[in-house]
Each structure stands twice: as C-alpha cells, then as structure tokens.
Amino acid sequence: MTVAFSGFFLTLKMQVYTLGLSSSQPGKVPLHTIHNKKKLLNRIRRIKGQIEGLERLLEREKDEDFSVILQTVASARGALNGLMSELIEGHLREHVLSGPGNSLLERERALDDVLAVLKTYLK
C-alpha cells in the first residue's frame, strides 16, 4: 500500500523502514532502525490501520462521514509526521552526530541523505 501526504510517499510493508534515509555504506541497514524495529513496526501498523479505516469510510460515500474522514486524514498525517521525525532523529544521532567508526566523509554523506529527504518532504 502506498500513501501520499503533501508530496511525501510511504510504502507500507511489514519491514524495517528507512524512508529514503540510506546508510553511508551500501547494503547496510541503518542501525537506529534495528534498535527501534518493534516500536517502528507498531507505529507503521497503527498508520496502516488509520489508512485502511479511511479507505472504508471513503467507500461508504456517506455525507455524515465527512468530518470523520477529515479527522482521520489529519490523524494519519500527524502519525506519519511523527514517524518521519523519529526516523530522522535516529539517523542524525546514529550516523551524523556520533557515527562511531564513521569518517567525516561518511557522516557528511549521511547528512546529505537527511537533507535530501527533508527538501522533498517540505515541498
């Protein structure tokens, strides 16, 4: 399932999510997503439930559901923003700020990854 909010796309799958934040080493899963995997997956599942509920509301096509639809969209968007914030914070702390064993060049690449996602996200 792919969800789009304000130019931000998230593909929902039951896997580790990085939202375009790649490791500075190809093929390496970012460490912060492994440490928080259960928490992140629970957040993803809640967001998925919100989106599926929204889909059901839209399929019913009842006018009285309009305020519930808007509230569900706002809730899902807030949940996605929270997820994005948590992922970015983890990436910054693990790969940009400290980056144990990472050279300055690798930390700069990690920062570039975050900046690219933020530029896309904030459009």
PDB file of N, CA and C in Angstrom:
ATOM      1  N   MET A   1       0.848  -1.160   0.000  1.00  0.00           N
ATOM      2  CA  MET A   1       0.000   0.000   0.000  1.00  0.00           C
ATOM      3  C   MET A   1       0.898   1.229   0.000  1.00  0.00           C
ATOM      4  N   THR A   2       0.633   2.184  -0.866  1.00  0.00           N
ATOM      5  CA  THR A   2       1.399   3.423  -0.901  1.00  0.00           C
ATOM      6  C   THR A   2       0.493   4.561  -0.459  1.00  0.00           C
ATOM      7  N   VAL A   3       0.993   5.404   0.408  1.00  0.00           N
ATOM      8  CA  VAL A   3       0.244   6.513   0.959  1.00  0.00           C
ATOM      9  C   VAL A   3       0.971   7.796   0.597  1.00  0.00           C
ATOM     10  N   ALA A   4       0.230   8.831   0.215  1.00  0.00           N
ATOM     11  CA  ALA A   4       0.861  10.106  -0.122  1.00  0.00           C
ATOM     12  C   ALA A   4       0.226  11.225   0.686  1.00  0.00           C
ATOM     13  N   PHE A   5       1.040  12.033   1.318  1.00  0.00           N
ATOM     14  CA  PHE A   5       0.587  13.223   2.027  1.00  0.00           C
ATOM     15  C   PHE A   5       1.531  14.350   1.670  1.00  0.00           C
ATOM     16  N   SER A   6       1.007  15.387   1.064  1.00  0.00           N
ATOM     17  CA  SER A   6       1.792  16.590   0.741  1.00  0.00           C
ATOM     18  C   SER A   6       3.129  16.272   0.089  1.00  0.00           C
ATOM     19  N   GLY A   7       3.110  15.417  -0.915  1.00  0.00           N
ATOM     20  CA  GLY A   7       4.334  15.104  -1.636  1.00  0.00           C
ATOM     21  C   GLY A   7       5.220  14.093  -0.928  1.00  0.00           C
ATOM     22  N   PHE A   8       4.757  13.515   0.168  1.00  0.00           N
ATOM     23  CA  PHE A   8       5.534  12.540   0.928  1.00  0.00           C
ATOM     24  C   PHE A   8       4.925  11.170   0.683  1.00  0.00           C
ATOM     25  N   PHE A   9       5.717  10.250   0.172  1.00  0.00           N
ATOM     26  CA  PHE A   9       5.210   8.921  -0.135  1.00  0.00           C
ATOM     27  C   PHE A   9       5.803   7.913   0.823  1.00  0.00           C
ATOM     28  N   LEU A  10       4.970   7.023   1.297  1.00  0.00           N
ATOM     29  CA  LEU A  10       5.407   5.977   2.212  1.00  0.00           C
ATOM     30  C   LEU A  10       4.806   4.670   1.736  1.00  0.00           C
ATOM     31  N   THR A  11       5.633   3.698   1.437  1.00  0.00           N
ATOM     32  CA  THR A  11       5.133   2.388   1.071  1.00  0.00           C
ATOM     33  C   THR A  11       5.054   1.558   2.338  1.00  0.00           C
ATOM     34  N   LEU A  12       3.851   1.077   2.648  1.00  0.00           N
ATOM     35  CA  LEU A  12       3.650   0.316   3.869  1.00  0.00           C
ATOM     36  C   LEU A  12       3.879  -1.164   3.588  1.00  0.00           C
ATOM     37  N   LYS A  13       4.883  -1.717   4.212  1.00  0.00           N
ATOM     38  CA  LYS A  13       5.193  -3.133   4.171  1.00  0.00           C
ATOM     39  C   LYS A  13       5.654  -3.491   5.558  1.00  0.00           C
ATOM     40  N   MET A  14       5.531  -4.714   5.950  1.00  0.00           N
ATOM     41  CA  MET A  14       5.975  -5.104   7.278  1.00  0.00           C
ATOM     42  C   MET A  14       7.464  -5.424   7.243  1.00  0.00           C
ATOM     43  N   GLN A  15       8.271  -4.395   7.131  1.00  0.00           N
ATOM     44  CA  GLN A  15       9.723  -4.500   7.097  1.00  0.00           C
ATOM     45  C   GLN A  15      10.312  -3.354   7.902  1.00  0.00           C
ATOM     46  N   VAL A  16      11.622  -3.244   7.924  1.00  0.00           N
ATOM     47  CA  VAL A  16      12.278  -2.102   8.546  1.00  0.00           C
ATOM     48  C   VAL A  16      12.164  -0.933   7.578  1.00  0.00           C
ATOM     49  N   TYR A  17      11.793   0.249   8.076  1.00  0.00           N
ATOM     50  CA  TYR A  17      11.571   1.411   7.246  1.00  0.00           C
ATOM     51  C   TYR A  17      12.685   2.420   7.414  1.00  0.00           C
ATOM     52  N   THR A  18      13.165   2.924   6.306  1.00  0.00           N
ATOM     53  CA  THR A  18      14.170   3.972   6.363  1.00  0.00           C
ATOM     54  C   THR A  18      13.715   5.231   5.648  1.00  0.00           C
ATOM     55  N   LEU A  19      12.617   5.182   4.893  1.00  0.00           N
ATOM     56  CA  LEU A  19      12.054   6.348   4.217  1.00  0.00           C
ATOM     57  C   LEU A  19      13.087   7.122   3.421  1.00  0.00           C
ATOM     58  N   GLY A  20      13.907   6.402   2.714  1.00  0.00           N
ATOM     59  CA  GLY A  20      14.888   7.065   1.869  1.00  0.00           C
ATOM     60  C   GLY A  20      16.153   7.466   2.590  1.00  0.00           C
ATOM     61  N   LEU A  21      16.226   7.242   3.869  1.00  0.00           N
ATOM     62  CA  LEU A  21      17.441   7.568   4.608  1.00  0.00           C
ATOM     63  C   LEU A  21      18.360   6.367   4.514  1.00  0.00           C
ATOM     64  N   SER A  22      19.322   6.445   3.661  1.00  0.00           N
ATOM     65  CA  SER A  22      20.185   5.292   3.437  1.00  0.00           C
ATOM     66  C   SER A  22      21.413   5.354   4.314  1.00  0.00           C
ATOM     67  N   SER A  23      21.971   4.202   4.536  1.00  0.00           N
ATOM     68  CA  SER A  23      23.218   4.127   5.276  1.00  0.00           C
ATOM     69  C   SER A  23      24.334   4.679   4.404  1.00  0.00           C
ATOM     70  N   SER A  24      25.389   5.123   5.041  1.00  0.00           N
ATOM     71  CA  SER A  24      26.516   5.630   4.267  1.00  0.00           C
ATOM     72  C   SER A  24      27.285   4.498   3.597  1.00  0.00           C
ATOM     73  N   GLN A  25      26.967   3.258   3.973  1.00  0.00           N
ATOM     74  CA  GLN A  25      27.589   2.103   3.350  1.00  0.00           C
ATOM     75  C   GLN A  25      26.512   1.304   2.627  1.00  0.00           C
ATOM     76  N   PRO A  26      26.592   1.146   1.308  1.00  0.00           N
ATOM     77  CA  PRO A  26      25.569   0.436   0.545  1.00  0.00           C
ATOM     78  C   PRO A  26      25.328  -0.965   1.095  1.00  0.00           C
ATOM     79  N   GLY A  27      24.041  -1.331   1.156  1.00  0.00           N
ATOM     80  CA  GLY A  27      23.680  -2.662   1.616  1.00  0.00           C
ATOM     81  C   GLY A  27      23.627  -2.807   3.124  1.00  0.00           C
ATOM     82  N   LYS A  28      23.986  -1.783   3.863  1.00  0.00           N
ATOM     83  CA  LYS A  28      23.985  -1.840   5.321  1.00  0.00           C
ATOM     84  C   LYS A  28      22.705  -1.184   5.836  1.00  0.00           C
ATOM     85  N   VAL A  29      21.973  -1.893   6.706  1.00  0.00           N
ATOM     86  CA  VAL A  29      20.740  -1.351   7.270  1.00  0.00           C
ATOM     87  C   VAL A  29      21.099  -0.343   8.354  1.00  0.00           C
ATOM     88  N   PRO A  30      20.480   0.856   8.341  1.00  0.00           N
ATOM     89  CA  PRO A  30      20.789   1.837   9.369  1.00  0.00           C
ATOM     90  C   PRO A  30      20.534   1.273  10.767  1.00  0.00           C
ATOM     91  N   LEU A  31      21.486   1.435  11.664  1.00  0.00           N
ATOM     92  CA  LEU A  31      21.462   0.852  12.987  1.00  0.00           C
ATOM     93  C   LEU A  31      20.258   1.287  13.803  1.00  0.00           C
ATOM     94  N   HIS A  32      19.863   2.556  13.725  1.00  0.00           N
ATOM     95  CA  HIS A  32      18.768   3.039  14.558  1.00  0.00           C
ATOM     96  C   HIS A  32      17.447   2.353  14.228  1.00  0.00           C
ATOM     97  N   THR A  33      17.258   1.888  12.995  1.00  0.00           N
ATOM     98  CA  THR A  33      16.014   1.198  12.673  1.00  0.00           C
ATOM     99  C   THR A  33      15.998  -0.203  13.255  1.00  0.00           C
ATOM    100  N   ILE A  34      17.161  -0.802  13.435  1.00  0.00           N
ATOM    101  CA  ILE A  34      17.226  -2.127  14.044  1.00  0.00           C
ATOM    102  C   ILE A  34      16.925  -2.030  15.539  1.00  0.00           C
ATOM    103  N   HIS A  35      17.513  -1.040  16.218  1.00  0.00           N
ATOM    104  CA  HIS A  35      17.290  -0.877  17.650  1.00  0.00           C
ATOM    105  C   HIS A  35      15.817  -0.615  17.963  1.00  0.00           C
ATOM    106  N   ASN A  36      15.138   0.113  17.121  1.00  0.00           N
ATOM    107  CA  ASN A  36      13.748   0.506  17.365  1.00  0.00           C
ATOM    108  C   ASN A  36      12.764  -0.252  16.476  1.00  0.00           C
ATOM    109  N   LYS A  37      13.151  -1.378  15.943  1.00  0.00           N
ATOM    110  CA  LYS A  37      12.341  -2.089  14.958  1.00  0.00           C
ATOM    111  C   LYS A  37      10.924  -2.360  15.460  1.00  0.00           C
ATOM    112  N   LYS A  38      10.780  -2.914  16.651  1.00  0.00           N
ATOM    113  CA  LYS A  38       9.450  -3.251  17.165  1.00  0.00           C
ATOM    114  C   LYS A  38       8.589  -1.997  17.314  1.00  0.00           C
ATOM    115  N   LYS A  39       9.180  -0.961  17.871  1.00  0.00           N
ATOM    116  CA  LYS A  39       8.454   0.299  18.053  1.00  0.00           C
ATOM    117  C   LYS A  39       8.043   0.899  16.711  1.00  0.00           C
ATOM    118  N   LEU A  40       8.958   0.894  15.754  1.00  0.00           N
ATOM    119  CA  LEU A  40       8.658   1.444  14.425  1.00  0.00           C
ATOM    120  C   LEU A  40       7.576   0.634  13.718  1.00  0.00           C
ATOM    121  N   LEU A  41       7.672  -0.691  13.804  1.00  0.00           N
ATOM    122  CA  LEU A  41       6.667  -1.534  13.157  1.00  0.00           C
ATOM    123  C   LEU A  41       5.293  -1.327  13.781  1.00  0.00           C
ATOM    124  N   ASN A  42       5.228  -1.139  15.093  1.00  0.00           N
ATOM    125  CA  ASN A  42       3.946  -0.859  15.739  1.00  0.00           C
ATOM    126  C   ASN A  42       3.367   0.463  15.246  1.00  0.00           C
ATOM    127  N   ARG A  43       4.220   1.465  15.080  1.00  0.00           N
ATOM    128  CA  ARG A  43       3.750   2.755  14.545  1.00  0.00           C
ATOM    129  C   ARG A  43       3.233   2.584  13.129  1.00  0.00           C
ATOM    130  N   ILE A  44       3.966   1.828  12.322  1.00  0.00           N
ATOM    131  CA  ILE A  44       3.555   1.589  10.933  1.00  0.00           C
ATOM    132  C   ILE A  44       2.204   0.882  10.898  1.00  0.00           C
ATOM    133  N   ARG A  45       2.023  -0.098  11.749  1.00  0.00           N
ATOM    134  CA  ARG A  45       0.756  -0.843  11.783  1.00  0.00           C
ATOM    135  C   ARG A  45      -0.407   0.055  12.191  1.00  0.00           C
ATOM    136  N   ARG A  46      -0.171   0.969  13.136  1.00  0.00           N
ATOM    137  CA  ARG A  46      -1.233   1.908  13.518  1.00  0.00           C
ATOM    138  C   ARG A  46      -1.573   2.831  12.350  1.00  0.00           C
ATOM    139  N   ILE A  47      -0.561   3.325  11.651  1.00  0.00           N
ATOM    140  CA  ILE A  47      -0.793   4.189  10.488  1.00  0.00           C
ATOM    141  C   ILE A  47      -1.541   3.409   9.409  1.00  0.00           C
ATOM    142  N   LYS A  48      -1.136   2.181   9.181  1.00  0.00           N
ATOM    143  CA  LYS A  48      -1.805   1.339   8.190  1.00  0.00           C
ATOM    144  C   LYS A  48      -3.284   1.175   8.557  1.00  0.00           C
ATOM    145  N   GLY A  49      -3.567   0.965   9.834  1.00  0.00           N
ATOM    146  CA  GLY A  49      -4.957   0.845  10.290  1.00  0.00           C
ATOM    147  C   GLY A  49      -5.742   2.117  10.041  1.00  0.00           C
ATOM    148  N   GLN A  50      -5.110   3.261  10.278  1.00  0.00           N
ATOM    149  CA  GLN A  50      -5.782   4.538  10.018  1.00  0.00           C
ATOM    150  C   GLN A  50      -6.105   4.683   8.530  1.00  0.00           C
ATOM    151  N   ILE A  51      -5.164   4.326   7.682  1.00  0.00           N
ATOM    152  CA  ILE A  51      -5.365   4.451   6.232  1.00  0.00           C
ATOM    153  C   ILE A  51      -6.439   3.477   5.759  1.00  0.00           C
ATOM    154  N   GLU A  52      -6.422   2.263   6.273  1.00  0.00           N
ATOM    155  CA  GLU A  52      -7.455   1.293   5.894  1.00  0.00           C
ATOM    156  C   GLU A  52      -8.828   1.758   6.364  1.00  0.00           C
ATOM    157  N   GLY A  53      -8.888   2.368   7.553  1.00  0.00           N
ATOM    158  CA  GLY A  53     -10.149   2.929   8.034  1.00  0.00           C
ATOM    159  C   GLY A  53     -10.622   4.064   7.141  1.00  0.00           C
ATOM    160  N   LEU A  54      -9.716   4.885   6.702  1.00  0.00           N
ATOM    161  CA  LEU A  54     -10.039   5.970   5.777  1.00  0.00           C
ATOM    162  C   LEU A  54     -10.582   5.423   4.468  1.00  0.00           C
ATOM    163  N   GLU A  55      -9.950   4.371   3.980  1.00  0.00           N
ATOM    164  CA  GLU A  55     -10.415   3.742   2.742  1.00  0.00           C
ATOM    165  C   GLU A  55     -11.852   3.241   2.900  1.00  0.00           C
ATOM    166  N   ARG A  56     -12.146   2.603   4.037  1.00  0.00           N
ATOM    167  CA  ARG A  56     -13.509   2.101   4.275  1.00  0.00           C
ATOM    168  C   ARG A  56     -14.514   3.247   4.341  1.00  0.00           C
ATOM    169  N   LEU A  57     -14.132   4.334   5.000  1.00  0.00           N
ATOM    170  CA  LEU A  57     -15.018   5.495   5.075  1.00  0.00           C
ATOM    171  C   LEU A  57     -15.310   6.059   3.692  1.00  0.00           C
ATOM    172  N   LEU A  58     -14.286   6.156   2.867  1.00  0.00           N
ATOM    173  CA  LEU A  58     -14.478   6.703   1.517  1.00  0.00           C
ATOM    174  C   LEU A  58     -15.327   5.786   0.649  1.00  0.00           C
ATOM    175  N   GLU A  59     -15.199   4.492   0.841  1.00  0.00           N
ATOM    176  CA  GLU A  59     -16.001   3.543   0.065  1.00  0.00           C
ATOM    177  C   GLU A  59     -17.476   3.628   0.425  1.00  0.00           C
ATOM    178  N   ARG A  60     -17.793   3.993   1.662  1.00  0.00           N
ATOM    179  CA  ARG A  60     -19.196   4.081   2.091  1.00  0.00           C
ATOM    180  C   ARG A  60     -19.918   5.260   1.462  1.00  0.00           C
ATOM    181  N   GLU A  61     -19.181   6.309   1.134  1.00  0.00           N
ATOM    182  CA  GLU A  61     -19.723   7.510   0.477  1.00  0.00           C
ATOM    183  C   GLU A  61     -20.919   8.121   1.197  1.00  0.00           C
ATOM    184  N   LYS A  62     -20.836   8.246   2.507  1.00  0.00           N
ATOM    185  CA  LYS A  62     -21.901   8.881   3.272  1.00  0.00           C
ATOM    186  C   LYS A  62     -21.471  10.288   3.654  1.00  0.00           C
ATOM    187  N   ASP A  63     -22.348  11.260   3.430  1.00  0.00           N
ATOM    188  CA  ASP A  63     -22.031  12.655   3.741  1.00  0.00           C
ATOM    189  C   ASP A  63     -21.731  12.870   5.217  1.00  0.00           C
ATOM    190  N   GLU A  64     -22.397  12.113   6.091  1.00  0.00           N
ATOM    191  CA  GLU A  64     -22.175  12.311   7.522  1.00  0.00           C
ATOM    192  C   GLU A  64     -20.783  11.858   7.968  1.00  0.00           C
ATOM    193  N   ASP A  65     -20.074  11.163   7.111  1.00  0.00           N
ATOM    194  CA  ASP A  65     -18.717  10.706   7.422  1.00  0.00           C
ATOM    195  C   ASP A  65     -17.656  11.764   7.119  1.00  0.00           C
ATOM    196  N   PHE A  66     -18.049  12.901   6.525  1.00  0.00           N
ATOM    197  CA  PHE A  66     -17.072  13.869   6.058  1.00  0.00           C
ATOM    198  C   PHE A  66     -16.136  14.355   7.168  1.00  0.00           C
ATOM    199  N   SER A  67     -16.685  14.732   8.316  1.00  0.00           N
ATOM    200  CA  SER A  67     -15.813  15.226   9.397  1.00  0.00           C
ATOM    201  C   SER A  67     -14.920  14.110   9.936  1.00  0.00           C
ATOM    202  N   VAL A  68     -15.420  12.890   9.961  1.00  0.00           N
ATOM    203  CA  VAL A  68     -14.618  11.746  10.412  1.00  0.00           C
ATOM    204  C   VAL A  68     -13.490  11.485   9.412  1.00  0.00           C
ATOM    205  N   ILE A  69     -13.793  11.639   8.120  1.00  0.00           N
ATOM    206  CA  ILE A  69     -12.775  11.457   7.079  1.00  0.00           C
ATOM    207  C   ILE A  69     -11.655  12.486   7.259  1.00  0.00           C
ATOM    208  N   LEU A  70     -12.023  13.747   7.432  1.00  0.00           N
ATOM    209  CA  LEU A  70     -11.014  14.793   7.621  1.00  0.00           C
ATOM    210  C   LEU A  70     -10.197  14.555   8.887  1.00  0.00           C
ATOM    211  N   GLN A  71     -10.856  14.151   9.960  1.00  0.00           N
ATOM    212  CA  GLN A  71     -10.147  13.881  11.208  1.00  0.00           C
ATOM    213  C   GLN A  71      -9.192  12.697  11.042  1.00  0.00           C
ATOM    214  N   THR A  72      -9.608  11.676  10.296  1.00  0.00           N
ATOM    215  CA  THR A  72      -8.750  10.511  10.060  1.00  0.00           C
ATOM    216  C   THR A  72      -7.551  10.883   9.206  1.00  0.00           C
ATOM    217  N   VAL A  73      -7.757  11.703   8.184  1.00  0.00           N
ATOM    218  CA  VAL A  73      -6.637  12.167   7.353  1.00  0.00           C
ATOM    219  C   VAL A  73      -5.653  12.966   8.204  1.00  0.00           C
ATOM    220  N   ALA A  74      -6.172  13.870   9.044  1.00  0.00           N
ATOM    221  CA  ALA A  74      -5.305  14.667   9.906  1.00  0.00           C
ATOM    222  C   ALA A  74      -4.540  13.776  10.890  1.00  0.00           C
ATOM    223  N   SER A  75      -5.211  12.779  11.443  1.00  0.00           N
ATOM    224  CA  SER A  75      -4.552  11.864  12.387  1.00  0.00           C
ATOM    225  C   SER A  75      -3.462  11.052  11.701  1.00  0.00           C
ATOM    226  N   ALA A  76      -3.755  10.549  10.509  1.00  0.00           N
ATOM    227  CA  ALA A  76      -2.771   9.757   9.769  1.00  0.00           C
ATOM    228  C   ALA A  76      -1.577  10.626   9.380  1.00  0.00           C
ATOM    229  N   ARG A  77      -1.860  11.840   8.968  1.00  0.00           N
ATOM    230  CA  ARG A  77      -0.768  12.749   8.603  1.00  0.00           C
ATOM    231  C   ARG A  77       0.106  13.057   9.825  1.00  0.00           C
ATOM    232  N   GLY A  78      -0.524  13.297  10.965  1.00  0.00           N
ATOM    233  CA  GLY A  78       0.228  13.537  12.188  1.00  0.00           C
ATOM    234  C   GLY A  78       1.080  12.330  12.571  1.00  0.00           C
ATOM    235  N   ALA A  79       0.518  11.132  12.392  1.00  0.00           N
ATOM    236  CA  ALA A  79       1.263   9.912  12.702  1.00  0.00           C
ATOM    237  C   ALA A  79       2.446   9.740  11.754  1.00  0.00           C
ATOM    238  N   LEU A  80       2.243  10.035  10.475  1.00  0.00           N
ATOM    239  CA  LEU A  80       3.349   9.961   9.514  1.00  0.00           C
ATOM    240  C   LEU A  80       4.426  10.995   9.829  1.00  0.00           C
ATOM    241  N   ASN A  81       4.003  12.191  10.206  1.00  0.00           N
ATOM    242  CA  ASN A  81       4.976  13.224  10.578  1.00  0.00           C
ATOM    243  C   ASN A  81       5.782  12.794  11.801  1.00  0.00           C
ATOM    244  N   GLY A  82       5.106  12.188  12.772  1.00  0.00           N
ATOM    245  CA  GLY A  82       5.798  11.693  13.959  1.00  0.00           C
ATOM    246  C   GLY A  82       6.795  10.604  13.622  1.00  0.00           C
ATOM    247  N   LEU A  83       6.395   9.692  12.732  1.00  0.00           N
ATOM    248  CA  LEU A  83       7.287   8.622  12.288  1.00  0.00           C
ATOM    249  C   LEU A  83       8.493   9.207  11.567  1.00  0.00           C
ATOM    250  N   MET A  84       8.244  10.145  10.680  1.00  0.00           N
ATOM    251  CA  MET A  84       9.326  10.786   9.939  1.00  0.00           C
ATOM    252  C   MET A  84      10.292  11.469  10.903  1.00  0.00           C
ATOM    253  N   SER A  85       9.757  12.178  11.875  1.00  0.00           N
ATOM    254  CA  SER A  85      10.582  12.867  12.857  1.00  0.00           C
ATOM    255  C   SER A  85      11.445  11.885  13.644  1.00  0.00           C
ATOM    256  N   GLU A  86      10.856  10.780  14.076  1.00  0.00           N
ATOM    257  CA  GLU A  86      11.607   9.783  14.835  1.00  0.00           C
ATOM    258  C   GLU A  86      12.719   9.158  13.994  1.00  0.00           C
ATOM    259  N   LEU A  87      12.428   8.848  12.741  1.00  0.00           N
ATOM    260  CA  LEU A  87      13.434   8.258  11.866  1.00  0.00           C
ATOM    261  C   LEU A  87      14.582   9.235  11.587  1.00  0.00           C
ATOM    262  N   ILE A  88      14.235  10.484  11.341  1.00  0.00           N
ATOM    263  CA  ILE A  88      15.269  11.480  11.074  1.00  0.00           C
ATOM    264  C   ILE A  88      16.132  11.685  12.314  1.00  0.00           C
ATOM    265  N   GLU A  89      15.493  11.783  13.475  1.00  0.00           N
ATOM    266  CA  GLU A  89      16.267  11.965  14.707  1.00  0.00           C
ATOM    267  C   GLU A  89      17.225  10.800  14.933  1.00  0.00           C
ATOM    268  N   GLY A  90      16.721   9.574  14.746  1.00  0.00           N
ATOM    269  CA  GLY A  90      17.585   8.406  14.916  1.00  0.00           C
ATOM    270  C   GLY A  90      18.744   8.412  13.944  1.00  0.00           C
ATOM    271  N   HIS A  91      18.464   8.766  12.704  1.00  0.00           N
ATOM    272  CA  HIS A  91      19.502   8.808  11.684  1.00  0.00           C
ATOM    273  C   HIS A  91      20.548   9.863  12.023  1.00  0.00           C
ATOM    274  N   LEU A  92      20.089  11.030  12.444  1.00  0.00           N
ATOM    275  CA  LEU A  92      21.020  12.103  12.802  1.00  0.00           C
ATOM    276  C   LEU A  92      21.909  11.703  13.977  1.00  0.00           C
ATOM    277  N   ARG A  93      21.307  11.098  14.988  1.00  0.00           N
ATOM    278  CA  ARG A  93      22.075  10.713  16.182  1.00  0.00           C
ATOM    279  C   ARG A  93      23.060   9.584  15.887  1.00  0.00           C
ATOM    280  N   GLU A  94      22.630   8.587  15.102  1.00  0.00           N
ATOM    281  CA  GLU A  94      23.456   7.402  14.850  1.00  0.00           C
ATOM    282  C   GLU A  94      24.520   7.626  13.774  1.00  0.00           C
ATOM    283  N   HIS A  95      24.187   8.406  12.751  1.00  0.00           N
ATOM    284  CA  HIS A  95      25.068   8.473  11.586  1.00  0.00           C
ATOM    285  C   HIS A  95      25.709   9.839  11.348  1.00  0.00           C
ATOM    286  N   VAL A  96      25.099  10.881  11.874  1.00  0.00           N
ATOM    287  CA  VAL A  96      25.637  12.209  11.608  1.00  0.00           C
ATOM    288  C   VAL A  96      26.361  12.749  12.841  1.00  0.00           C
ATOM    289  N   LEU A  97      25.707  12.732  13.975  1.00  0.00           N
ATOM    290  CA  LEU A  97      26.294  13.307  15.177  1.00  0.00           C
ATOM    291  C   LEU A  97      27.493  12.495  15.672  1.00  0.00           C
ATOM    292  N   SER A  98      27.270  11.233  15.952  1.00  0.00           N
ATOM    293  CA  SER A  98      28.364  10.440  16.512  1.00  0.00           C
ATOM    294  C   SER A  98      29.005   9.551  15.464  1.00  0.00           C
ATOM    295  N   GLY A  99      28.206   8.776  14.776  1.00  0.00           N
ATOM    296  CA  GLY A  99      28.735   7.899  13.738  1.00  0.00           C
ATOM    297  C   GLY A  99      29.965   7.141  14.163  1.00  0.00           C
ATOM    298  N   PRO A 100      29.845   6.275  15.197  1.00  0.00           N
ATOM    299  CA  PRO A 100      31.045   5.577  15.663  1.00  0.00           C
ATOM    300  C   PRO A 100      31.714   4.813  14.530  1.00  0.00           C
ATOM    301  N   GLY A 101      32.994   5.084  14.351  1.00  0.00           N
ATOM    302  CA  GLY A 101      33.747   4.416  13.297  1.00  0.00           C
ATOM    303  C   GLY A 101      33.555   5.032  11.920  1.00  0.00           C
ATOM    304  N   ASN A 102      32.666   6.019  11.834  1.00  0.00           N
ATOM    305  CA  ASN A 102      32.425   6.667  10.546  1.00  0.00           C
ATOM    306  C   ASN A 102      33.362   7.867  10.384  1.00  0.00           C
ATOM    307  N   SER A 103      33.907   7.987   9.197  1.00  0.00           N
ATOM    308  CA  SER A 103      34.773   9.128   8.911  1.00  0.00           C
ATOM    309  C   SER A 103      33.920  10.381   8.719  1.00  0.00           C
ATOM    310  N   LEU A 104      34.567  11.506   8.674  1.00  0.00           N
ATOM    311  CA  LEU A 104      33.870  12.763   8.427  1.00  0.00           C
ATOM    312  C   LEU A 104      33.136  12.705   7.091  1.00  0.00           C
ATOM    313  N   LEU A 105      33.754  12.113   6.073  1.00  0.00           N
ATOM    314  CA  LEU A 105      33.120  11.994   4.764  1.00  0.00           C
ATOM    315  C   LEU A 105      31.838  11.158   4.847  1.00  0.00           C
ATOM    316  N   GLU A 106      31.866  10.059   5.583  1.00  0.00           N
ATOM    317  CA  GLU A 106      30.672   9.209   5.734  1.00  0.00           C
ATOM    318  C   GLU A 106      29.573   9.951   6.486  1.00  0.00           C
ATOM    319  N   ARG A 107      29.941  10.716   7.512  1.00  0.00           N
ATOM    320  CA  ARG A 107      28.935  11.486   8.254  1.00  0.00           C
ATOM    321  C   ARG A 107      28.358  12.598   7.388  1.00  0.00           C
ATOM    322  N   GLU A 108      29.178  13.208   6.526  1.00  0.00           N
ATOM    323  CA  GLU A 108      28.671  14.228   5.602  1.00  0.00           C
ATOM    324  C   GLU A 108      27.689  13.624   4.613  1.00  0.00           C
ATOM    325  N   ARG A 109      27.990  12.412   4.133  1.00  0.00           N
ATOM    326  CA  ARG A 109      27.057  11.718   3.231  1.00  0.00           C
ATOM    327  C   ARG A 109      25.738  11.425   3.941  1.00  0.00           C
ATOM    328  N   ALA A 110      25.817  10.988   5.197  1.00  0.00           N
ATOM    329  CA  ALA A 110      24.605  10.716   5.969  1.00  0.00           C
ATOM    330  C   ALA A 110      23.786  11.995   6.137  1.00  0.00           C
ATOM    331  N   LEU A 111      24.453  13.108   6.386  1.00  0.00           N
ATOM    332  CA  LEU A 111      23.768  14.397   6.490  1.00  0.00           C
ATOM    333  C   LEU A 111      23.121  14.762   5.157  1.00  0.00           C
ATOM    334  N   ASP A 112      23.817  14.542   4.059  1.00  0.00           N
ATOM    335  CA  ASP A 112      23.251  14.819   2.733  1.00  0.00           C
ATOM    336  C   ASP A 112      21.994  13.991   2.489  1.00  0.00           C
ATOM    337  N   ASP A 113      21.993  12.739   2.951  1.00  0.00           N
ATOM    338  CA  ASP A 113      20.809  11.889   2.823  1.00  0.00           C
ATOM    339  C   ASP A 113      19.613  12.531   3.518  1.00  0.00           C
ATOM    340  N   VAL A 114      19.828  12.973   4.747  1.00  0.00           N
ATOM    341  CA  VAL A 114      18.750  13.588   5.524  1.00  0.00           C
ATOM    342  C   VAL A 114      18.273  14.872   4.858  1.00  0.00           C
ATOM    343  N   LEU A 115      19.199  15.701   4.427  1.00  0.00           N
ATOM    344  CA  LEU A 115      18.830  16.961   3.788  1.00  0.00           C
ATOM    345  C   LEU A 115      18.027  16.734   2.516  1.00  0.00           C
ATOM    346  N   ALA A 116      18.376  15.740   1.739  1.00  0.00           N
ATOM    347  CA  ALA A 116      17.635  15.437   0.506  1.00  0.00           C
ATOM    348  C   ALA A 116      16.204  15.034   0.826  1.00  0.00           C
ATOM    349  N   VAL A 117      16.027  14.204   1.848  1.00  0.00           N
ATOM    350  CA  VAL A 117      14.680  13.788   2.239  1.00  0.00           C
ATOM    351  C   VAL A 117      13.892  14.972   2.767  1.00  0.00           C
ATOM    352  N   LEU A 118      14.516  15.794   3.594  1.00  0.00           N
ATOM    353  CA  LEU A 118      13.822  16.957   4.135  1.00  0.00           C
ATOM    354  C   LEU A 118      13.384  17.928   3.043  1.00  0.00           C
ATOM    355  N   LYS A 119      14.245  18.145   2.065  1.00  0.00           N
ATOM    356  CA  LYS A 119      13.875  19.038   0.960  1.00  0.00           C
ATOM    357  C   LYS A 119      12.664  18.526   0.212  1.00  0.00           C
ATOM    358  N   THR A 120      12.621  17.222  -0.010  1.00  0.00           N
ATOM    359  CA  THR A 120      11.477  16.617  -0.691  1.00  0.00           C
ATOM    360  C   THR A 120      10.232  16.697   0.193  1.00  0.00           C
ATOM    361  N   TYR A 121      10.398  16.385   1.443  1.00  0.00           N
ATOM    362  CA  TYR A 121       9.292  16.332   2.390  1.00  0.00           C
ATOM    363  C   TYR A 121       8.658  17.700   2.623  1.00  0.00           C
ATOM    364  N   LEU A 122       9.464  18.728   2.639  1.00  0.00           N
ATOM    365  CA  LEU A 122       8.959  20.065   2.950  1.00  0.00           C
ATOM    366  C   LEU A 122       8.448  20.838   1.743  1.00  0.00           C
ATOM    367  N   LYS A 123       8.465  20.250   0.569  1.00  0.00           N
ATOM    368  CA  LYS A 123       7.948  20.941  -0.634  1.00  0.00           C
ATOM    369  C   LYS A 123       6.474  21.160  -0.524  1.00  0.00           C
TER     370      LYS A 123
END
